[in-house]
Structure formats: C-alpha cells, structure tokens
Amino acid sequence: MADQIADHINSQAASPSSDPNDCQLVPAGGQFKAAPGVTPLFQPHMAEKLTTAIQSLNDQGIVPVMTGGYVSQEAQDKLHTQSANLMAKPAKISAHGIGLGVDFRPNSNSPNVEAIRDAMATAGLQNGANFKNNPDPNHYFSPDAPQKQTPAMVQACADAYAKLILGDQE
C-alpha cells in the first residue's frame, strides 16, 4: 500500500494542472516529526518551500515537530466549533484544507521557535502572526494561497486525499 501511495504521489507531482480548483497532495521532504493526527501532505509548490525550510532546520540539527498539515473539511469544522484550547480561532475554510498551510506549535518545538520562523521565511512561507483579525503565530502558509479558499478547492483536495488513501479502489 505504501508503494502504491508513493507511485501515485510521484505521478501527481509530475503532472501539474492549471485548474485553480485542482489539488495534488504530496509529502514534504526533510526530517521532521508529525504530531499525532497530523497529515503531512501539501500541494507541490507548498511542499517544495516547506522541504527547503525543513532541510535548513535539519542542517542546524533541528528536527521540527509539525502540528498541523492537510486537514479535511470535517476536521476543520470541528476545530472551528471547538477552538477553546487554540491560540487562534480556525477559519471555516482554511489553507490547511487546500494543502497550503502548516503549523509548528511552540510547545512542541521549544526552544526552536525562532529558528523555525526564520527558516520558513527564508523558504518563502508567510507567518500567520501578521493576520489582522485573528493572529496565528503557529501557522505558516504559501503566499500563493488564494485569499479566499472556496468549497470547490476544498473538495478537490478531499478528492485528492481520497485517491491517495484508496488508490485505484474507488
């Protein structure tokens, strides 16, 4: 099954689409740990930038703990309604749901928060600390992320995720 997923990921990465509602999900590279429940899959250009940041951290002897990656709309809905323990209230539709957002929470990455922030910025990712109405310093996103994520984009990524999990079984 892992080989099927890897083959599918490689075939998807080799055939980019110009459709803004198309979604391809691939893993980031470099050495990192994914916190329990985290799905470390991203759209290819996000994965590329994230890989650059993670490899930079690895070069410094840091193995970061990823605390947020791809999130299904169902999981996002739960986060949105049950956000009491989070630093920022999650959006109804987020960059995570379209494979363009990642989180590195400080409690999982202390004392490397500043190094993570610097590596992400150097790789071309932006930090959610600058959000006007709902700052989220744990969140990094691709500047290529659409300002308004649509349900069609979210569904395209849900379909891509299902293909990765189900392969040719669907």
N, C-alpha and C. Protein backbone atom coordinates (compact mmCIF):
# COMPACT_ATOMS: atom_id res chain seq x y z
N MET A 1 0.83 -1.20 0.00
CA MET A 1 0.00 0.00 0.00
C MET A 1 0.87 1.26 0.00
N ALA A 2 1.94 1.27 0.80
CA ALA A 2 2.83 2.44 0.84
C ALA A 2 3.45 2.68 -0.53
N ASP A 3 3.82 1.60 -1.25
CA ASP A 3 4.38 1.76 -2.59
C ASP A 3 3.37 2.35 -3.55
N GLN A 4 2.09 1.94 -3.42
CA GLN A 4 1.04 2.48 -4.28
C GLN A 4 0.88 3.98 -4.03
N ILE A 5 0.89 4.37 -2.77
CA ILE A 5 0.76 5.79 -2.44
C ILE A 5 1.95 6.56 -3.00
N ALA A 6 3.17 6.03 -2.82
CA ALA A 6 4.36 6.71 -3.34
C ALA A 6 4.29 6.85 -4.86
N ASP A 7 3.88 5.78 -5.56
CA ASP A 7 3.75 5.84 -7.02
C ASP A 7 2.73 6.89 -7.43
N HIS A 8 1.60 6.92 -6.73
CA HIS A 8 0.55 7.90 -7.05
C HIS A 8 1.05 9.32 -6.80
N ILE A 9 1.73 9.53 -5.69
CA ILE A 9 2.28 10.85 -5.38
C ILE A 9 3.25 11.29 -6.46
N ASN A 10 4.13 10.38 -6.89
CA ASN A 10 5.10 10.73 -7.92
C ASN A 10 4.42 11.06 -9.24
N SER A 11 3.39 10.31 -9.61
CA SER A 11 2.68 10.59 -10.86
C SER A 11 1.95 11.92 -10.78
N GLN A 12 1.39 12.26 -9.62
CA GLN A 12 0.69 13.53 -9.46
C GLN A 12 1.67 14.69 -9.52
N ALA A 13 2.81 14.56 -8.91
CA ALA A 13 3.79 15.65 -8.90
C ALA A 13 4.32 15.92 -10.30
N ALA A 14 4.31 14.90 -11.15
CA ALA A 14 4.85 15.06 -12.49
C ALA A 14 3.85 15.69 -13.46
N SER A 15 2.59 15.84 -13.05
CA SER A 15 1.58 16.35 -13.98
C SER A 15 0.77 17.49 -13.37
N PRO A 16 1.39 18.68 -13.23
CA PRO A 16 0.66 19.80 -12.63
C PRO A 16 -0.50 20.25 -13.51
N SER A 17 -1.49 20.86 -12.88
CA SER A 17 -2.68 21.32 -13.59
C SER A 17 -2.77 22.84 -13.48
N SER A 18 -3.37 23.45 -14.50
CA SER A 18 -3.58 24.90 -14.45
C SER A 18 -4.95 25.25 -13.87
N ASP A 19 -5.76 24.27 -13.56
CA ASP A 19 -7.09 24.49 -12.98
C ASP A 19 -6.92 24.94 -11.53
N PRO A 20 -7.41 26.15 -11.16
CA PRO A 20 -7.24 26.62 -9.77
C PRO A 20 -7.97 25.75 -8.75
N ASN A 21 -8.94 24.96 -9.21
CA ASN A 21 -9.65 24.08 -8.28
C ASN A 21 -9.06 22.68 -8.26
N ASP A 22 -7.96 22.45 -8.98
CA ASP A 22 -7.30 21.15 -8.95
C ASP A 22 -6.42 21.09 -7.72
N CYS A 23 -6.26 19.91 -7.18
CA CYS A 23 -5.42 19.75 -5.99
C CYS A 23 -4.60 18.49 -6.11
N GLN A 24 -3.33 18.61 -5.83
CA GLN A 24 -2.44 17.47 -5.74
C GLN A 24 -1.80 17.54 -4.36
N LEU A 25 -1.75 16.44 -3.67
CA LEU A 25 -1.16 16.42 -2.33
C LEU A 25 0.07 15.52 -2.33
N VAL A 26 1.18 16.06 -1.84
CA VAL A 26 2.44 15.34 -1.77
C VAL A 26 3.07 15.60 -0.40
N PRO A 27 3.96 14.71 0.05
CA PRO A 27 4.60 14.94 1.35
C PRO A 27 5.73 15.96 1.24
N ALA A 28 6.02 16.60 2.35
CA ALA A 28 7.20 17.45 2.44
C ALA A 28 8.41 16.55 2.64
N GLY A 29 9.57 17.04 2.26
CA GLY A 29 10.80 16.30 2.45
C GLY A 29 11.55 16.78 3.67
N GLY A 30 12.71 16.20 3.88
CA GLY A 30 13.50 16.53 5.06
C GLY A 30 13.05 15.69 6.24
N GLN A 31 13.77 15.84 7.34
CA GLN A 31 13.46 15.06 8.54
C GLN A 31 12.64 15.91 9.49
N PHE A 32 11.42 15.44 9.78
CA PHE A 32 10.53 16.10 10.73
C PHE A 32 9.69 15.03 11.41
N LYS A 33 9.09 15.41 12.52
CA LYS A 33 8.14 14.53 13.19
C LYS A 33 6.76 15.13 12.99
N ALA A 34 5.79 14.27 12.76
CA ALA A 34 4.40 14.73 12.66
C ALA A 34 3.72 14.37 13.97
N ALA A 35 3.12 15.36 14.61
CA ALA A 35 2.38 15.11 15.86
C ALA A 35 1.23 14.15 15.56
N PRO A 36 0.75 13.44 16.57
CA PRO A 36 -0.37 12.51 16.35
C PRO A 36 -1.55 13.20 15.68
N GLY A 37 -2.09 12.53 14.68
CA GLY A 37 -3.26 13.05 13.97
C GLY A 37 -2.95 14.02 12.85
N VAL A 38 -1.69 14.36 12.65
CA VAL A 38 -1.31 15.32 11.61
C VAL A 38 -1.10 14.58 10.29
N THR A 39 -1.64 15.13 9.22
CA THR A 39 -1.47 14.59 7.87
C THR A 39 -0.50 15.51 7.13
N PRO A 40 0.77 15.10 7.00
CA PRO A 40 1.79 15.98 6.41
C PRO A 40 1.80 15.94 4.88
N LEU A 41 0.68 16.35 4.28
CA LEU A 41 0.56 16.40 2.82
C LEU A 41 0.22 17.83 2.40
N PHE A 42 0.79 18.22 1.25
CA PHE A 42 0.68 19.61 0.79
C PHE A 42 0.64 19.65 -0.73
N GLN A 43 0.17 20.77 -1.26
CA GLN A 43 0.26 20.95 -2.70
C GLN A 43 1.75 21.07 -3.06
N PRO A 44 2.14 20.64 -4.27
CA PRO A 44 3.57 20.55 -4.61
C PRO A 44 4.39 21.80 -4.36
N HIS A 45 3.91 22.99 -4.72
CA HIS A 45 4.73 24.19 -4.51
C HIS A 45 4.87 24.52 -3.03
N MET A 46 3.88 24.18 -2.22
CA MET A 46 3.98 24.36 -0.76
C MET A 46 4.96 23.34 -0.20
N ALA A 47 4.86 22.09 -0.65
CA ALA A 47 5.76 21.05 -0.17
C ALA A 47 7.21 21.40 -0.50
N GLU A 48 7.43 22.00 -1.66
CA GLU A 48 8.78 22.37 -2.06
C GLU A 48 9.36 23.43 -1.11
N LYS A 49 8.59 24.46 -0.82
CA LYS A 49 9.05 25.51 0.10
C LYS A 49 9.24 24.96 1.51
N LEU A 50 8.30 24.12 1.93
CA LEU A 50 8.39 23.53 3.26
C LEU A 50 9.60 22.61 3.37
N THR A 51 9.88 21.85 2.32
CA THR A 51 11.06 20.98 2.30
C THR A 51 12.33 21.81 2.45
N THR A 52 12.40 22.92 1.75
CA THR A 52 13.56 23.81 1.86
C THR A 52 13.74 24.27 3.30
N ALA A 53 12.65 24.67 3.95
CA ALA A 53 12.72 25.13 5.34
C ALA A 53 13.13 23.99 6.28
N ILE A 54 12.53 22.82 6.10
CA ILE A 54 12.84 21.69 6.98
C ILE A 54 14.29 21.27 6.81
N GLN A 55 14.78 21.23 5.56
CA GLN A 55 16.18 20.86 5.35
C GLN A 55 17.13 21.89 5.96
N SER A 56 16.76 23.15 5.93
CA SER A 56 17.56 24.18 6.59
C SER A 56 17.61 23.94 8.10
N LEU A 57 16.46 23.60 8.66
CA LEU A 57 16.42 23.28 10.10
C LEU A 57 17.25 22.04 10.40
N ASN A 58 17.15 21.02 9.55
CA ASN A 58 17.94 19.80 9.73
C ASN A 58 19.43 20.12 9.71
N ASP A 59 19.84 21.03 8.82
CA ASP A 59 21.25 21.43 8.74
C ASP A 59 21.72 22.07 10.04
N GLN A 60 20.78 22.62 10.82
CA GLN A 60 21.09 23.22 12.12
C GLN A 60 20.95 22.21 13.26
N GLY A 61 20.67 20.95 12.91
CA GLY A 61 20.49 19.91 13.93
C GLY A 61 19.10 19.89 14.53
N ILE A 62 18.14 20.53 13.88
CA ILE A 62 16.76 20.61 14.40
C ILE A 62 15.86 19.69 13.59
N VAL A 63 15.09 18.87 14.30
CA VAL A 63 14.05 18.05 13.69
C VAL A 63 12.72 18.63 14.21
N PRO A 64 12.06 19.47 13.40
CA PRO A 64 10.85 20.14 13.89
C PRO A 64 9.67 19.18 14.03
N VAL A 65 8.74 19.55 14.89
CA VAL A 65 7.51 18.78 15.10
C VAL A 65 6.38 19.53 14.40
N MET A 66 5.84 18.92 13.36
CA MET A 66 4.73 19.50 12.61
C MET A 66 3.45 19.23 13.38
N THR A 67 2.72 20.28 13.70
CA THR A 67 1.49 20.12 14.49
C THR A 67 0.23 20.39 13.67
N GLY A 68 0.39 20.64 12.39
CA GLY A 68 -0.77 20.82 11.51
C GLY A 68 -0.34 20.72 10.07
N GLY A 69 -1.09 19.98 9.27
CA GLY A 69 -0.85 19.83 7.84
C GLY A 69 -2.18 19.86 7.13
N TYR A 70 -2.35 18.95 6.17
CA TYR A 70 -3.64 18.87 5.46
C TYR A 70 -4.73 18.53 6.47
N VAL A 71 -5.85 19.23 6.37
CA VAL A 71 -7.00 19.00 7.26
C VAL A 71 -8.25 18.89 6.41
N SER A 72 -9.02 17.83 6.61
CA SER A 72 -10.28 17.67 5.88
C SER A 72 -11.27 18.74 6.35
N GLN A 73 -12.30 18.99 5.54
CA GLN A 73 -13.29 19.99 5.93
C GLN A 73 -14.03 19.56 7.19
N GLU A 74 -14.27 18.26 7.34
CA GLU A 74 -14.94 17.77 8.55
C GLU A 74 -14.10 18.09 9.79
N ALA A 75 -12.79 17.83 9.71
CA ALA A 75 -11.91 18.14 10.84
C ALA A 75 -11.82 19.65 11.07
N GLN A 76 -11.81 20.43 9.99
CA GLN A 76 -11.77 21.89 10.12
C GLN A 76 -13.03 22.41 10.80
N ASP A 77 -14.18 21.82 10.45
CA ASP A 77 -15.44 22.22 11.09
C ASP A 77 -15.38 21.97 12.60
N LYS A 78 -14.80 20.82 13.00
CA LYS A 78 -14.67 20.52 14.43
C LYS A 78 -13.74 21.52 15.11
N LEU A 79 -12.62 21.83 14.46
CA LEU A 79 -11.69 22.82 15.02
C LEU A 79 -12.38 24.17 15.18
N HIS A 80 -13.17 24.53 14.19
CA HIS A 80 -13.84 25.84 14.22
C HIS A 80 -14.83 25.95 15.38
N THR A 81 -15.53 24.87 15.67
CA THR A 81 -16.54 24.93 16.73
C THR A 81 -15.97 24.60 18.11
N GLN A 82 -14.81 23.93 18.16
CA GLN A 82 -14.23 23.53 19.45
C GLN A 82 -12.83 24.11 19.60
N SER A 83 -12.69 25.42 19.45
CA SER A 83 -11.36 26.04 19.40
C SER A 83 -10.91 26.67 20.71
N ALA A 84 -11.52 26.32 21.82
CA ALA A 84 -11.19 26.96 23.09
C ALA A 84 -9.72 26.83 23.48
N ASN A 85 -9.06 25.72 23.12
CA ASN A 85 -7.68 25.50 23.54
C ASN A 85 -6.65 25.96 22.50
N LEU A 86 -7.10 26.62 21.45
CA LEU A 86 -6.19 27.05 20.39
C LEU A 86 -5.85 28.52 20.54
N MET A 87 -4.67 28.90 20.04
CA MET A 87 -4.24 30.30 20.13
C MET A 87 -5.08 31.21 19.25
N ALA A 88 -5.55 30.70 18.11
CA ALA A 88 -6.35 31.49 17.17
C ALA A 88 -7.56 30.67 16.74
N LYS A 89 -8.68 31.32 16.55
CA LYS A 89 -9.88 30.61 16.11
C LYS A 89 -9.70 30.20 14.65
N PRO A 90 -9.82 28.91 14.35
CA PRO A 90 -9.64 28.44 12.98
C PRO A 90 -10.70 29.02 12.03
N ALA A 91 -10.29 29.23 10.80
CA ALA A 91 -11.22 29.71 9.77
C ALA A 91 -12.19 28.59 9.41
N LYS A 92 -13.33 28.98 8.86
CA LYS A 92 -14.30 27.96 8.42
C LYS A 92 -13.71 27.16 7.27
N ILE A 93 -13.04 27.82 6.35
CA ILE A 93 -12.30 27.16 5.27
C ILE A 93 -10.89 27.72 5.35
N SER A 94 -9.89 26.83 5.42
CA SER A 94 -8.53 27.32 5.66
C SER A 94 -7.55 26.84 4.60
N ALA A 95 -6.35 27.42 4.65
CA ALA A 95 -5.27 26.99 3.77
C ALA A 95 -4.90 25.53 4.02
N HIS A 96 -5.14 25.03 5.23
CA HIS A 96 -4.87 23.62 5.51
C HIS A 96 -5.73 22.71 4.64
N GLY A 97 -6.97 23.11 4.41
CA GLY A 97 -7.91 22.30 3.64
C GLY A 97 -7.62 22.24 2.16
N ILE A 98 -6.72 23.11 1.69
CA ILE A 98 -6.32 23.07 0.29
C ILE A 98 -4.81 22.78 0.17
N GLY A 99 -4.22 22.23 1.22
CA GLY A 99 -2.83 21.79 1.17
C GLY A 99 -1.81 22.91 1.11
N LEU A 100 -2.16 24.10 1.63
CA LEU A 100 -1.25 25.24 1.57
C LEU A 100 -0.96 25.84 2.94
N GLY A 101 -1.21 25.08 4.01
CA GLY A 101 -0.93 25.57 5.35
C GLY A 101 -0.26 24.51 6.20
N VAL A 102 0.59 24.97 7.13
CA VAL A 102 1.28 24.06 8.06
C VAL A 102 1.41 24.78 9.40
N ASP A 103 1.40 24.01 10.48
CA ASP A 103 1.56 24.57 11.82
C ASP A 103 2.75 23.93 12.52
N PHE A 104 3.45 24.75 13.32
CA PHE A 104 4.51 24.31 14.21
C PHE A 104 4.28 25.01 15.53
N ARG A 105 3.59 24.36 16.47
CA ARG A 105 3.27 24.99 17.76
C ARG A 105 4.51 25.09 18.63
N PRO A 106 4.63 26.20 19.38
CA PRO A 106 5.81 26.41 20.23
C PRO A 106 5.99 25.32 21.29
N ASN A 107 4.90 24.84 21.90
CA ASN A 107 5.06 23.85 22.96
C ASN A 107 5.65 22.55 22.44
N SER A 108 5.53 22.28 21.15
CA SER A 108 6.12 21.08 20.56
C SER A 108 7.51 21.34 19.99
N ASN A 109 7.91 22.59 19.91
CA ASN A 109 9.16 22.94 19.23
C ASN A 109 10.09 23.84 20.03
N SER A 110 9.82 24.01 21.31
CA SER A 110 10.69 24.84 22.14
C SER A 110 12.04 24.14 22.26
N PRO A 111 13.15 24.78 22.17
CA PRO A 111 13.44 26.21 22.05
C PRO A 111 13.71 26.66 20.61
N ASN A 112 13.11 26.00 19.62
CA ASN A 112 13.45 26.25 18.22
C ASN A 112 12.47 27.15 17.46
N VAL A 113 11.61 27.84 18.18
CA VAL A 113 10.56 28.63 17.53
C VAL A 113 11.15 29.69 16.60
N GLU A 114 12.16 30.41 17.06
CA GLU A 114 12.76 31.46 16.24
C GLU A 114 13.45 30.88 15.01
N ALA A 115 14.15 29.76 15.18
CA ALA A 115 14.81 29.12 14.04
C ALA A 115 13.78 28.64 13.02
N ILE A 116 12.66 28.11 13.50
CA ILE A 116 11.59 27.67 12.60
C ILE A 116 11.02 28.87 11.85
N ARG A 117 10.74 29.94 12.56
CA ARG A 117 10.19 31.15 11.94
C ARG A 117 11.14 31.67 10.85
N ASP A 118 12.44 31.70 11.17
CA ASP A 118 13.43 32.20 10.21
C ASP A 118 13.54 31.28 8.99
N ALA A 119 13.55 29.97 9.21
CA ALA A 119 13.66 29.02 8.10
C ALA A 119 12.44 29.09 7.19
N MET A 120 11.28 29.24 7.78
CA MET A 120 10.05 29.34 6.98
C MET A 120 10.08 30.61 6.13
N ALA A 121 10.47 31.72 6.73
CA ALA A 121 10.53 32.99 6.00
C ALA A 121 11.55 32.92 4.87
N THR A 122 12.72 32.37 5.16
CA THR A 122 13.76 32.25 4.14
C THR A 122 13.31 31.38 2.98
N ALA A 123 12.49 30.37 3.27
CA ALA A 123 11.98 29.48 2.22
C ALA A 123 10.81 30.09 1.45
N GLY A 124 10.34 31.25 1.88
CA GLY A 124 9.26 31.92 1.16
C GLY A 124 7.88 31.68 1.71
N LEU A 125 7.79 31.16 2.94
CA LEU A 125 6.47 30.97 3.56
C LEU A 125 6.17 32.15 4.48
N GLN A 126 4.91 32.49 4.58
CA GLN A 126 4.49 33.61 5.43
C GLN A 126 3.93 33.09 6.74
N ASN A 127 4.00 33.94 7.76
CA ASN A 127 3.56 33.56 9.10
C ASN A 127 2.21 34.19 9.41
N GLY A 128 1.35 33.40 10.04
CA GLY A 128 0.01 33.87 10.41
C GLY A 128 0.00 34.86 11.56
N ALA A 129 1.15 35.15 12.15
CA ALA A 129 1.21 36.15 13.22
C ALA A 129 0.77 37.52 12.71
N ASN A 130 0.85 37.71 11.41
CA ASN A 130 0.50 39.00 10.82
C ASN A 130 -0.96 39.11 10.40
N PHE A 131 -1.76 38.08 10.65
CA PHE A 131 -3.19 38.17 10.32
C PHE A 131 -3.79 39.31 11.13
N LYS A 132 -4.57 40.17 10.50
CA LYS A 132 -5.11 41.36 11.16
C LYS A 132 -6.11 41.03 12.26
N ASN A 133 -7.10 40.21 11.97
CA ASN A 133 -8.19 39.98 12.93
C ASN A 133 -8.00 38.78 13.84
N ASN A 134 -7.14 37.87 13.46
CA ASN A 134 -7.02 36.62 14.20
C ASN A 134 -5.58 36.10 14.09
N PRO A 135 -4.59 36.78 14.68
CA PRO A 135 -3.20 36.36 14.55
C PRO A 135 -3.00 34.90 14.95
N ASP A 136 -2.19 34.20 14.16
CA ASP A 136 -1.93 32.78 14.40
C ASP A 136 -0.44 32.52 14.18
N PRO A 137 0.39 32.79 15.20
CA PRO A 137 1.84 32.69 15.04
C PRO A 137 2.36 31.27 14.81
N ASN A 138 1.53 30.26 15.01
CA ASN A 138 1.95 28.87 14.78
C ASN A 138 1.78 28.46 13.32
N HIS A 139 1.10 29.29 12.54
CA HIS A 139 0.67 28.94 11.19
C HIS A 139 1.58 29.55 10.13
N TYR A 140 1.95 28.73 9.16
CA TYR A 140 2.74 29.19 8.02
C TYR A 140 1.99 28.79 6.76
N PHE A 141 2.05 29.64 5.75
CA PHE A 141 1.28 29.37 4.54
C PHE A 141 2.03 29.89 3.32
N SER A 142 1.64 29.36 2.20
CA SER A 142 2.23 29.79 0.94
C SER A 142 1.65 31.14 0.54
N PRO A 143 2.50 32.08 0.15
CA PRO A 143 1.96 33.36 -0.32
C PRO A 143 1.14 33.17 -1.60
N ASP A 144 1.26 32.01 -2.23
CA ASP A 144 0.48 31.69 -3.42
C ASP A 144 -0.93 31.24 -3.06
N ALA A 145 -1.21 31.07 -1.77
CA ALA A 145 -2.54 30.61 -1.35
C ALA A 145 -3.57 31.67 -1.73
N PRO A 146 -4.69 31.24 -2.29
CA PRO A 146 -5.73 32.20 -2.63
C PRO A 146 -6.22 32.92 -1.38
N GLN A 147 -6.55 34.19 -1.51
CA GLN A 147 -7.08 34.95 -0.38
C GLN A 147 -8.38 34.36 0.12
N LYS A 148 -9.16 33.81 -0.78
CA LYS A 148 -10.44 33.21 -0.42
C LYS A 148 -10.45 31.77 -0.90
N GLN A 149 -10.36 30.83 0.03
CA GLN A 149 -10.44 29.43 -0.34
C GLN A 149 -11.91 29.08 -0.54
N THR A 150 -12.20 28.36 -1.61
CA THR A 150 -13.59 28.04 -1.94
C THR A 150 -13.92 26.59 -1.61
N PRO A 151 -15.20 26.28 -1.45
CA PRO A 151 -15.60 24.89 -1.25
C PRO A 151 -15.13 23.98 -2.39
N ALA A 152 -15.08 24.50 -3.62
CA ALA A 152 -14.61 23.68 -4.75
C ALA A 152 -13.14 23.30 -4.57
N MET A 153 -12.32 24.23 -4.07
CA MET A 153 -10.91 23.94 -3.81
C MET A 153 -10.78 22.87 -2.73
N VAL A 154 -11.56 23.04 -1.67
CA VAL A 154 -11.53 22.09 -0.55
C VAL A 154 -11.95 20.70 -1.03
N GLN A 155 -12.99 20.64 -1.85
CA GLN A 155 -13.46 19.35 -2.36
C GLN A 155 -12.42 18.70 -3.25
N ALA A 156 -11.73 19.50 -4.08
CA ALA A 156 -10.69 18.95 -4.94
C ALA A 156 -9.58 18.31 -4.11
N CYS A 157 -9.22 18.93 -2.99
CA CYS A 157 -8.18 18.36 -2.13
C CYS A 157 -8.71 17.14 -1.37
N ALA A 158 -9.97 17.16 -0.99
CA ALA A 158 -10.57 15.98 -0.35
C ALA A 158 -10.55 14.81 -1.33
N ASP A 159 -10.85 15.08 -2.59
CA ASP A 159 -10.81 14.03 -3.62
C ASP A 159 -9.38 13.52 -3.81
N ALA A 160 -8.40 14.43 -3.83
CA ALA A 160 -7.00 14.03 -3.98
C ALA A 160 -6.56 13.18 -2.80
N TYR A 161 -6.97 13.56 -1.60
CA TYR A 161 -6.62 12.79 -0.41
C TYR A 161 -7.25 11.40 -0.48
N ALA A 162 -8.51 11.33 -0.89
CA ALA A 162 -9.18 10.03 -1.02
C ALA A 162 -8.46 9.14 -2.03
N LYS A 163 -7.99 9.72 -3.14
CA LYS A 163 -7.25 8.93 -4.13
C LYS A 163 -5.96 8.38 -3.54
N LEU A 164 -5.29 9.19 -2.72
CA LEU A 164 -4.05 8.72 -2.09
C LEU A 164 -4.32 7.56 -1.16
N ILE A 165 -5.41 7.65 -0.41
CA ILE A 165 -5.74 6.63 0.58
C ILE A 165 -6.34 5.40 -0.09
N LEU A 166 -7.25 5.61 -1.03
CA LEU A 166 -7.96 4.49 -1.66
C LEU A 166 -7.25 3.96 -2.90
N GLY A 167 -6.40 4.77 -3.52
CA GLY A 167 -5.73 4.35 -4.74
C GLY A 167 -6.73 4.03 -5.83
N ASP A 168 -6.56 2.91 -6.47
CA ASP A 168 -7.45 2.50 -7.56
C ASP A 168 -8.69 1.80 -7.06
N GLN A 169 -8.93 1.77 -5.77
CA GLN A 169 -10.07 1.04 -5.21
C GLN A 169 -11.38 1.79 -5.35
N GLU A 170 -11.34 3.09 -5.68
CA GLU A 170 -12.58 3.85 -5.70
C GLU A 170 -13.41 3.61 -6.92
